[in-house]
Protein backbone atom coordinates (compact mmCIF):
# COMPACT_ATOMS: atom_id res chain seq x y z
CA MET A 1 -1.98 -13.91 -9.27
CA ASN A 2 -2.76 -10.59 -7.50
CA ALA A 3 -1.48 -9.00 -4.36
CA ILE A 4 -1.96 -5.66 -2.57
CA VAL A 5 1.03 -3.50 -1.76
CA THR A 6 0.37 -1.10 1.15
CA VAL A 7 2.62 1.77 1.99
CA VAL A 8 2.15 3.89 5.32
CA GLY A 9 4.39 6.68 6.78
CA LYS A 10 5.13 10.21 6.57
CA ASP A 11 4.60 12.06 3.35
CA LYS A 12 8.12 12.18 1.61
CA VAL A 13 9.16 12.97 -1.80
CA GLY A 14 9.91 10.04 -3.95
CA ILE A 15 7.81 7.33 -2.18
CA ILE A 16 5.63 6.61 -5.11
CA ALA A 17 8.56 6.64 -7.63
CA ALA A 18 10.66 4.49 -5.50
CA VAL A 19 7.92 1.71 -5.03
CA CYS A 20 6.96 1.71 -8.63
CA ALA A 21 10.61 1.53 -9.90
CA LEU A 22 11.18 -1.54 -7.37
CA LEU A 23 8.04 -3.25 -8.93
CA ALA A 24 8.89 -2.51 -12.38
CA GLU A 25 12.44 -4.00 -11.87
CA ASN A 26 10.69 -7.18 -10.78
CA ASN A 27 8.32 -7.29 -13.65
CA VAL A 28 5.39 -6.68 -11.24
CA ASN A 29 2.38 -5.12 -13.15
CA ILE A 30 0.44 -2.37 -11.24
CA LEU A 31 -3.27 -2.62 -11.66
CA ASP A 32 -4.39 0.23 -9.51
CA ILE A 33 -3.13 2.80 -7.14
CA SER A 34 -5.13 4.86 -4.32
CA GLN A 35 -3.26 7.25 -2.18
CA THR A 36 -4.19 9.56 0.66
CA ILE A 37 -2.13 12.31 2.25
CA LEU A 38 -3.61 13.61 5.57
CA GLN A 39 -1.85 15.75 7.94
CA GLY A 40 1.43 14.93 6.72
CA SER A 41 0.74 10.95 6.90
CA PHE A 42 0.84 9.08 3.48
CA THR A 43 -1.12 6.05 2.70
CA MET A 44 -0.92 4.10 -0.61
CA VAL A 45 -2.62 1.05 -1.62
CA MET A 46 -1.60 -0.66 -4.87
CA ALA A 47 -3.38 -3.54 -6.47
CA VAL A 48 -0.59 -5.46 -8.36
CA ASP A 49 -0.25 -8.50 -10.60
CA VAL A 50 2.71 -10.73 -9.46
CA GLU A 51 2.06 -13.66 -11.97
CA LYS A 52 5.02 -12.80 -14.15
CA ALA A 53 7.25 -11.29 -11.20
CA ARG A 54 10.95 -12.04 -11.48
CA VAL A 55 11.18 -13.13 -7.89
CA PRO A 56 8.69 -15.20 -5.63
CA VAL A 57 6.30 -13.13 -3.61
CA GLY A 58 8.33 -13.75 -0.39
CA ASP A 59 11.50 -12.27 -1.96
CA LEU A 60 9.48 -9.29 -3.13
CA ARG A 61 8.14 -9.02 0.38
CA THR A 62 11.73 -8.82 1.63
CA LEU A 63 12.71 -6.14 -1.09
CA LEU A 64 9.83 -4.01 -0.19
CA GLU A 65 10.57 -4.08 3.50
CA GLU A 66 14.24 -3.20 2.88
CA LEU A 67 13.13 -0.11 0.77
CA GLY A 68 10.64 0.72 3.56
CA LYS A 69 13.60 0.84 6.14
CA LYS A 70 15.56 3.14 3.93
CA MET A 71 12.54 5.42 3.47
CA GLU A 72 11.54 5.32 7.04
CA ILE A 73 7.89 3.97 5.82
CA SER A 74 6.05 0.81 6.27
CA ILE A 75 5.64 -1.28 3.06
CA ARG A 76 3.96 -4.69 3.00
CA ILE A 77 2.72 -6.99 0.22
CA GLN A 78 -0.01 -9.69 0.78
CA ARG A 79 -1.84 -12.22 -1.45
CA GLU A 80 -5.35 -11.45 -2.12
CA GLU A 81 -7.27 -14.55 -3.12
CA ILE A 82 -10.71 -12.76 -3.10
CA PHE A 83 -9.21 -9.94 -5.20
CA ASP A 84 -8.19 -13.02 -7.60
CA ALA A 85 -11.74 -14.42 -7.85
CA MET A 86 -13.30 -11.08 -8.33
CA HIS A 87 -10.88 -10.02 -11.04
CA ARG A 88 -11.56 -13.18 -12.95
CA ILE A 89 -15.48 -12.67 -13.02
């Protein structure tokens, strides 16, 4: 079961560490990370495996949104069925 975590906001110290720590605490495996910083704007896309997550994806979504509010950035997670199918091939 794979998902995509998207982080968007102003470039701030500690964004990657905070998101990775939250995912690690919830036993979410990070498969791939891509990040872009352009004129002070930060975008990060993470492919993650939520199969063995300690909490359901809905609860993980809430935790990520709360972290985003604290850091004044936008964080969302969405399931990627197409990604799942391609990963199995």
